[in-house]
Amino acid sequence: MKKALYAEDEYTNRKLLEIRLKNEGIRCDLASDGLTALEMFKAGDYGIVILDQYMPGMNGDRVAREIRKIDAEIPLVAITSDDGEATNLSNAGFNKVFIKPLQGEDYIEEIKDLLQNR
């Protein structure tokens, strides 16, 4: 089973995406802040990393820059409620930026596509 790492400080958002991914056969490890996500990434074996932008301790763009120093190829997906962050997030190394609220199926399909190509 493919494995994703998802960091999001809001519990409900974390659980909703975890359930959606699990229904697609993707196991999802969860982190509630950026520092924890970075430590989990270093210790784990993930096919994709999904990061909320605004989190306690370390925002998603900072986590992405640290991950890129370790692995230049792993797919990184940003999720943010601030569409003004899109350029900053792309510059941080994200392959895809989703703007909240996440609706429909397109974002799940794009996550699956990024994982398939890994």
N, C-alpha and C. Protein backbone atom coordinates (compact mmCIF):
# COMPACT_ATOMS: atom_id res chain seq x y z
N MET A 1 0.85 -1.19 0.00
CA MET A 1 0.00 0.00 0.00
C MET A 1 0.89 1.25 0.00
N LYS A 2 0.54 2.21 -0.84
CA LYS A 2 1.26 3.47 -0.89
C LYS A 2 1.07 4.21 0.43
N LYS A 3 2.06 5.04 0.79
CA LYS A 3 1.98 5.74 2.06
C LYS A 3 2.20 7.23 1.87
N ALA A 4 1.31 8.02 2.49
CA ALA A 4 1.38 9.47 2.44
C ALA A 4 1.65 10.00 3.84
N LEU A 5 2.28 11.15 3.92
CA LEU A 5 2.42 11.90 5.16
C LEU A 5 1.61 13.17 4.99
N TYR A 6 0.70 13.43 5.92
CA TYR A 6 -0.14 14.62 5.85
C TYR A 6 -0.03 15.40 7.14
N ALA A 7 0.40 16.66 7.03
CA ALA A 7 0.52 17.54 8.18
C ALA A 7 -0.52 18.65 8.08
N GLU A 8 -1.32 18.74 9.12
CA GLU A 8 -2.42 19.71 9.18
C GLU A 8 -2.75 19.92 10.65
N ASP A 9 -2.84 21.18 11.09
CA ASP A 9 -3.10 21.42 12.51
C ASP A 9 -4.57 21.28 12.89
N GLU A 10 -5.48 21.35 11.94
CA GLU A 10 -6.91 21.21 12.26
C GLU A 10 -7.31 19.74 12.19
N TYR A 11 -7.76 19.21 13.32
CA TYR A 11 -8.08 17.78 13.46
C TYR A 11 -9.08 17.31 12.40
N THR A 12 -10.16 18.06 12.21
CA THR A 12 -11.21 17.64 11.27
C THR A 12 -10.66 17.52 9.86
N ASN A 13 -9.91 18.51 9.42
CA ASN A 13 -9.31 18.46 8.08
C ASN A 13 -8.38 17.26 7.95
N ARG A 14 -7.59 17.01 9.00
CA ARG A 14 -6.66 15.88 9.00
C ARG A 14 -7.41 14.56 8.81
N LYS A 15 -8.45 14.37 9.60
CA LYS A 15 -9.19 13.11 9.55
C LYS A 15 -9.94 12.93 8.23
N LEU A 16 -10.51 14.01 7.71
CA LEU A 16 -11.26 13.91 6.45
C LEU A 16 -10.36 13.46 5.30
N LEU A 17 -9.18 14.06 5.18
CA LEU A 17 -8.29 13.66 4.09
C LEU A 17 -7.75 12.25 4.33
N GLU A 18 -7.48 11.92 5.58
CA GLU A 18 -7.01 10.56 5.88
C GLU A 18 -8.03 9.53 5.41
N ILE A 19 -9.30 9.76 5.68
CA ILE A 19 -10.36 8.84 5.28
C ILE A 19 -10.46 8.77 3.76
N ARG A 20 -10.42 9.93 3.11
CA ARG A 20 -10.50 9.95 1.63
C ARG A 20 -9.36 9.15 1.01
N LEU A 21 -8.15 9.34 1.53
CA LEU A 21 -6.99 8.62 0.99
C LEU A 21 -7.08 7.12 1.29
N LYS A 22 -7.50 6.79 2.50
CA LYS A 22 -7.64 5.38 2.87
C LYS A 22 -8.62 4.68 1.94
N ASN A 23 -9.70 5.36 1.58
CA ASN A 23 -10.69 4.79 0.65
C ASN A 23 -10.10 4.54 -0.73
N GLU A 24 -8.98 5.20 -1.04
CA GLU A 24 -8.30 5.01 -2.32
C GLU A 24 -7.13 4.03 -2.20
N GLY A 25 -6.99 3.42 -1.03
CA GLY A 25 -5.91 2.46 -0.83
C GLY A 25 -4.58 3.09 -0.48
N ILE A 26 -4.62 4.33 0.02
CA ILE A 26 -3.40 5.04 0.39
C ILE A 26 -3.36 5.19 1.91
N ARG A 27 -2.34 4.59 2.52
CA ARG A 27 -2.18 4.74 3.96
C ARG A 27 -1.65 6.13 4.25
N CYS A 28 -2.12 6.74 5.33
CA CYS A 28 -1.79 8.13 5.62
C CYS A 28 -1.33 8.27 7.07
N ASP A 29 -0.08 8.69 7.26
CA ASP A 29 0.40 9.05 8.59
C ASP A 29 0.12 10.53 8.79
N LEU A 30 -0.28 10.88 10.01
CA LEU A 30 -0.73 12.24 10.29
C LEU A 30 0.20 12.96 11.26
N ALA A 31 0.41 14.25 11.01
CA ALA A 31 1.15 15.12 11.92
C ALA A 31 0.31 16.37 12.15
N SER A 32 0.39 16.92 13.36
CA SER A 32 -0.42 18.10 13.67
C SER A 32 0.37 19.40 13.60
N ASP A 33 1.67 19.31 13.30
CA ASP A 33 2.48 20.52 13.14
C ASP A 33 3.66 20.23 12.22
N GLY A 34 4.30 21.30 11.78
CA GLY A 34 5.37 21.18 10.81
C GLY A 34 6.62 20.47 11.33
N LEU A 35 6.99 20.73 12.57
CA LEU A 35 8.19 20.10 13.14
C LEU A 35 8.01 18.59 13.23
N THR A 36 6.85 18.16 13.68
CA THR A 36 6.56 16.73 13.76
C THR A 36 6.59 16.11 12.36
N ALA A 37 6.02 16.81 11.40
CA ALA A 37 6.00 16.30 10.02
C ALA A 37 7.42 16.09 9.50
N LEU A 38 8.30 17.04 9.77
CA LEU A 38 9.68 16.93 9.29
C LEU A 38 10.38 15.73 9.94
N GLU A 39 10.18 15.55 11.23
CA GLU A 39 10.78 14.40 11.92
C GLU A 39 10.22 13.08 11.39
N MET A 40 8.91 13.04 11.16
CA MET A 40 8.29 11.82 10.62
C MET A 40 8.83 11.53 9.22
N PHE A 41 9.00 12.57 8.41
CA PHE A 41 9.53 12.38 7.06
C PHE A 41 10.93 11.77 7.12
N LYS A 42 11.77 12.30 8.01
CA LYS A 42 13.14 11.81 8.13
C LYS A 42 13.18 10.35 8.55
N ALA A 43 12.20 9.93 9.36
CA ALA A 43 12.18 8.56 9.90
C ALA A 43 11.38 7.59 9.05
N GLY A 44 10.57 8.11 8.12
CA GLY A 44 9.63 7.25 7.40
C GLY A 44 10.02 7.01 5.96
N ASP A 45 9.14 6.31 5.28
CA ASP A 45 9.32 6.00 3.86
C ASP A 45 8.00 6.36 3.18
N TYR A 46 7.93 7.55 2.62
CA TYR A 46 6.68 8.06 2.07
C TYR A 46 6.77 8.21 0.56
N GLY A 47 5.62 8.05 -0.09
CA GLY A 47 5.52 8.25 -1.52
C GLY A 47 5.10 9.65 -1.88
N ILE A 48 4.53 10.38 -0.89
CA ILE A 48 4.07 11.74 -1.11
C ILE A 48 3.96 12.43 0.25
N VAL A 49 4.16 13.74 0.26
CA VAL A 49 3.99 14.53 1.48
C VAL A 49 3.01 15.65 1.17
N ILE A 50 1.99 15.77 2.03
CA ILE A 50 0.95 16.79 1.88
C ILE A 50 1.04 17.69 3.11
N LEU A 51 1.19 19.00 2.87
CA LEU A 51 1.41 19.93 3.97
C LEU A 51 0.44 21.10 3.92
N ASP A 52 -0.17 21.38 5.06
CA ASP A 52 -0.91 22.62 5.23
C ASP A 52 0.13 23.75 5.30
N GLN A 53 -0.22 24.94 4.86
CA GLN A 53 0.75 26.03 4.91
C GLN A 53 0.90 26.58 6.32
N TYR A 54 -0.21 26.91 6.97
CA TYR A 54 -0.12 27.57 8.27
C TYR A 54 -0.28 26.56 9.39
N MET A 55 0.84 26.26 10.07
CA MET A 55 0.85 25.30 11.17
C MET A 55 1.72 25.82 12.29
N PRO A 56 1.48 25.34 13.51
CA PRO A 56 2.34 25.72 14.63
C PRO A 56 3.77 25.20 14.42
N GLY A 57 4.74 25.94 14.93
CA GLY A 57 6.12 25.47 14.92
C GLY A 57 6.86 25.75 13.63
N MET A 58 6.31 25.30 12.53
CA MET A 58 6.97 25.47 11.23
C MET A 58 5.91 25.39 10.14
N ASN A 59 5.83 26.43 9.32
CA ASN A 59 4.85 26.43 8.24
C ASN A 59 5.24 25.45 7.13
N GLY A 60 4.26 25.11 6.30
CA GLY A 60 4.48 24.13 5.24
C GLY A 60 5.59 24.49 4.28
N ASP A 61 5.74 25.77 3.94
CA ASP A 61 6.80 26.15 3.00
C ASP A 61 8.18 25.88 3.60
N ARG A 62 8.35 26.11 4.88
CA ARG A 62 9.64 25.83 5.53
C ARG A 62 9.90 24.33 5.59
N VAL A 63 8.87 23.55 5.91
CA VAL A 63 9.01 22.09 5.93
C VAL A 63 9.41 21.60 4.54
N ALA A 64 8.75 22.13 3.51
CA ALA A 64 9.04 21.71 2.13
C ALA A 64 10.49 22.00 1.76
N ARG A 65 10.99 23.16 2.13
CA ARG A 65 12.38 23.50 1.82
C ARG A 65 13.34 22.53 2.50
N GLU A 66 13.04 22.14 3.72
CA GLU A 66 13.89 21.17 4.43
C GLU A 66 13.81 19.79 3.77
N ILE A 67 12.61 19.39 3.39
CA ILE A 67 12.45 18.09 2.72
C ILE A 67 13.20 18.08 1.40
N ARG A 68 13.14 19.17 0.65
CA ARG A 68 13.82 19.25 -0.64
C ARG A 68 15.34 19.09 -0.50
N LYS A 69 15.90 19.48 0.64
CA LYS A 69 17.33 19.29 0.88
C LYS A 69 17.66 17.80 1.02
N ILE A 70 16.68 17.01 1.45
CA ILE A 70 16.87 15.57 1.68
C ILE A 70 16.47 14.77 0.45
N ASP A 71 15.36 15.15 -0.19
CA ASP A 71 14.80 14.40 -1.32
C ASP A 71 14.24 15.38 -2.34
N ALA A 72 14.94 15.53 -3.45
CA ALA A 72 14.53 16.49 -4.48
C ALA A 72 13.38 15.99 -5.33
N GLU A 73 13.07 14.69 -5.26
CA GLU A 73 12.10 14.09 -6.17
C GLU A 73 10.73 13.80 -5.57
N ILE A 74 10.63 13.65 -4.25
CA ILE A 74 9.36 13.25 -3.66
C ILE A 74 8.27 14.28 -3.98
N PRO A 75 7.08 13.82 -4.38
CA PRO A 75 5.99 14.76 -4.64
C PRO A 75 5.57 15.48 -3.36
N LEU A 76 5.46 16.80 -3.45
CA LEU A 76 5.00 17.62 -2.34
C LEU A 76 3.73 18.35 -2.77
N VAL A 77 2.71 18.27 -1.91
CA VAL A 77 1.43 18.94 -2.17
C VAL A 77 1.17 19.91 -1.03
N ALA A 78 0.85 21.16 -1.36
CA ALA A 78 0.49 22.16 -0.37
C ALA A 78 -1.01 22.35 -0.36
N ILE A 79 -1.54 22.57 0.84
CA ILE A 79 -2.94 22.91 0.99
C ILE A 79 -2.99 24.20 1.80
N THR A 80 -3.66 25.21 1.28
CA THR A 80 -3.73 26.49 1.99
C THR A 80 -5.07 27.17 1.75
N SER A 81 -5.46 27.98 2.70
CA SER A 81 -6.68 28.78 2.52
C SER A 81 -6.33 30.15 1.93
N ASP A 82 -5.04 30.44 1.79
CA ASP A 82 -4.57 31.74 1.32
C ASP A 82 -4.04 31.62 -0.11
N ASP A 83 -4.87 31.97 -1.09
CA ASP A 83 -4.44 31.82 -2.48
C ASP A 83 -3.29 32.77 -2.83
N GLY A 84 -3.02 33.76 -1.99
CA GLY A 84 -1.88 34.64 -2.18
C GLY A 84 -0.54 33.95 -1.92
N GLU A 85 -0.60 32.77 -1.32
CA GLU A 85 0.61 32.01 -1.00
C GLU A 85 1.08 31.12 -2.16
N ALA A 86 0.32 31.02 -3.22
CA ALA A 86 0.61 30.05 -4.29
C ALA A 86 2.02 30.19 -4.85
N THR A 87 2.48 31.40 -5.13
CA THR A 87 3.82 31.59 -5.69
C THR A 87 4.89 31.19 -4.69
N ASN A 88 4.73 31.61 -3.44
CA ASN A 88 5.68 31.24 -2.39
C ASN A 88 5.77 29.73 -2.25
N LEU A 89 4.63 29.06 -2.29
CA LEU A 89 4.61 27.60 -2.13
C LEU A 89 5.27 26.90 -3.32
N SER A 90 5.02 27.38 -4.51
CA SER A 90 5.69 26.81 -5.69
C SER A 90 7.19 27.00 -5.59
N ASN A 91 7.61 28.17 -5.14
CA ASN A 91 9.04 28.45 -4.99
C ASN A 91 9.68 27.59 -3.91
N ALA A 92 8.87 27.13 -2.94
CA ALA A 92 9.38 26.28 -1.85
C ALA A 92 9.59 24.85 -2.31
N GLY A 93 9.09 24.51 -3.50
CA GLY A 93 9.33 23.18 -4.04
C GLY A 93 8.11 22.28 -4.14
N PHE A 94 6.94 22.84 -3.91
CA PHE A 94 5.72 22.03 -4.03
C PHE A 94 5.41 21.73 -5.50
N ASN A 95 4.99 20.49 -5.76
CA ASN A 95 4.57 20.10 -7.10
C ASN A 95 3.17 20.61 -7.41
N LYS A 96 2.33 20.72 -6.37
CA LYS A 96 0.93 21.10 -6.56
C LYS A 96 0.47 21.90 -5.34
N VAL A 97 -0.35 22.92 -5.59
CA VAL A 97 -0.93 23.73 -4.52
C VAL A 97 -2.45 23.67 -4.64
N PHE A 98 -3.11 23.24 -3.58
CA PHE A 98 -4.57 23.21 -3.52
C PHE A 98 -5.05 24.31 -2.58
N ILE A 99 -6.13 24.98 -2.98
CA ILE A 99 -6.71 26.04 -2.17
C ILE A 99 -7.96 25.48 -1.46
N LYS A 100 -8.01 25.70 -0.14
CA LYS A 100 -9.18 25.26 0.65
C LYS A 100 -10.36 26.17 0.33
N PRO A 101 -11.57 25.67 0.43
CA PRO A 101 -11.93 24.31 0.85
C PRO A 101 -11.76 23.32 -0.31
N LEU A 102 -11.28 22.13 0.03
CA LEU A 102 -11.11 21.08 -0.98
C LEU A 102 -12.48 20.49 -1.29
N GLN A 103 -12.82 20.48 -2.57
CA GLN A 103 -14.13 19.98 -2.98
C GLN A 103 -13.98 19.07 -4.18
N GLY A 104 -14.97 18.22 -4.37
CA GLY A 104 -14.98 17.34 -5.53
C GLY A 104 -13.95 16.23 -5.41
N GLU A 105 -13.60 15.66 -6.55
CA GLU A 105 -12.67 14.52 -6.60
C GLU A 105 -11.34 14.86 -7.24
N ASP A 106 -11.25 16.02 -7.88
CA ASP A 106 -10.04 16.34 -8.66
C ASP A 106 -8.77 16.28 -7.82
N TYR A 107 -8.81 16.82 -6.60
CA TYR A 107 -7.59 16.85 -5.80
C TYR A 107 -7.15 15.45 -5.39
N ILE A 108 -8.09 14.54 -5.15
CA ILE A 108 -7.75 13.15 -4.82
C ILE A 108 -7.10 12.49 -6.03
N GLU A 109 -7.67 12.72 -7.21
CA GLU A 109 -7.10 12.14 -8.43
C GLU A 109 -5.67 12.67 -8.67
N GLU A 110 -5.45 13.95 -8.42
CA GLU A 110 -4.11 14.51 -8.63
C GLU A 110 -3.11 13.93 -7.64
N ILE A 111 -3.53 13.73 -6.40
CA ILE A 111 -2.67 13.10 -5.40
C ILE A 111 -2.33 11.68 -5.84
N LYS A 112 -3.34 10.95 -6.30
CA LYS A 112 -3.11 9.58 -6.79
C LYS A 112 -2.14 9.56 -7.97
N ASP A 113 -2.29 10.51 -8.89
CA ASP A 113 -1.40 10.60 -10.05
C ASP A 113 0.05 10.87 -9.61
N LEU A 114 0.24 11.78 -8.67
CA LEU A 114 1.58 12.07 -8.19
C LEU A 114 2.21 10.84 -7.54
N LEU A 115 1.40 10.08 -6.80
CA LEU A 115 1.90 8.86 -6.16
C LEU A 115 2.24 7.78 -7.19
N GLN A 116 1.42 7.64 -8.23
CA GLN A 116 1.64 6.62 -9.25
C GLN A 116 2.96 6.83 -9.97
N ASN A 117 3.30 8.09 -10.16
CA ASN A 117 4.51 8.44 -10.92
C ASN A 117 5.76 8.41 -10.08
N ARG A 118 5.64 8.05 -8.83
CA ARG A 118 6.77 8.02 -7.90
C ARG A 118 7.55 6.74 -8.07
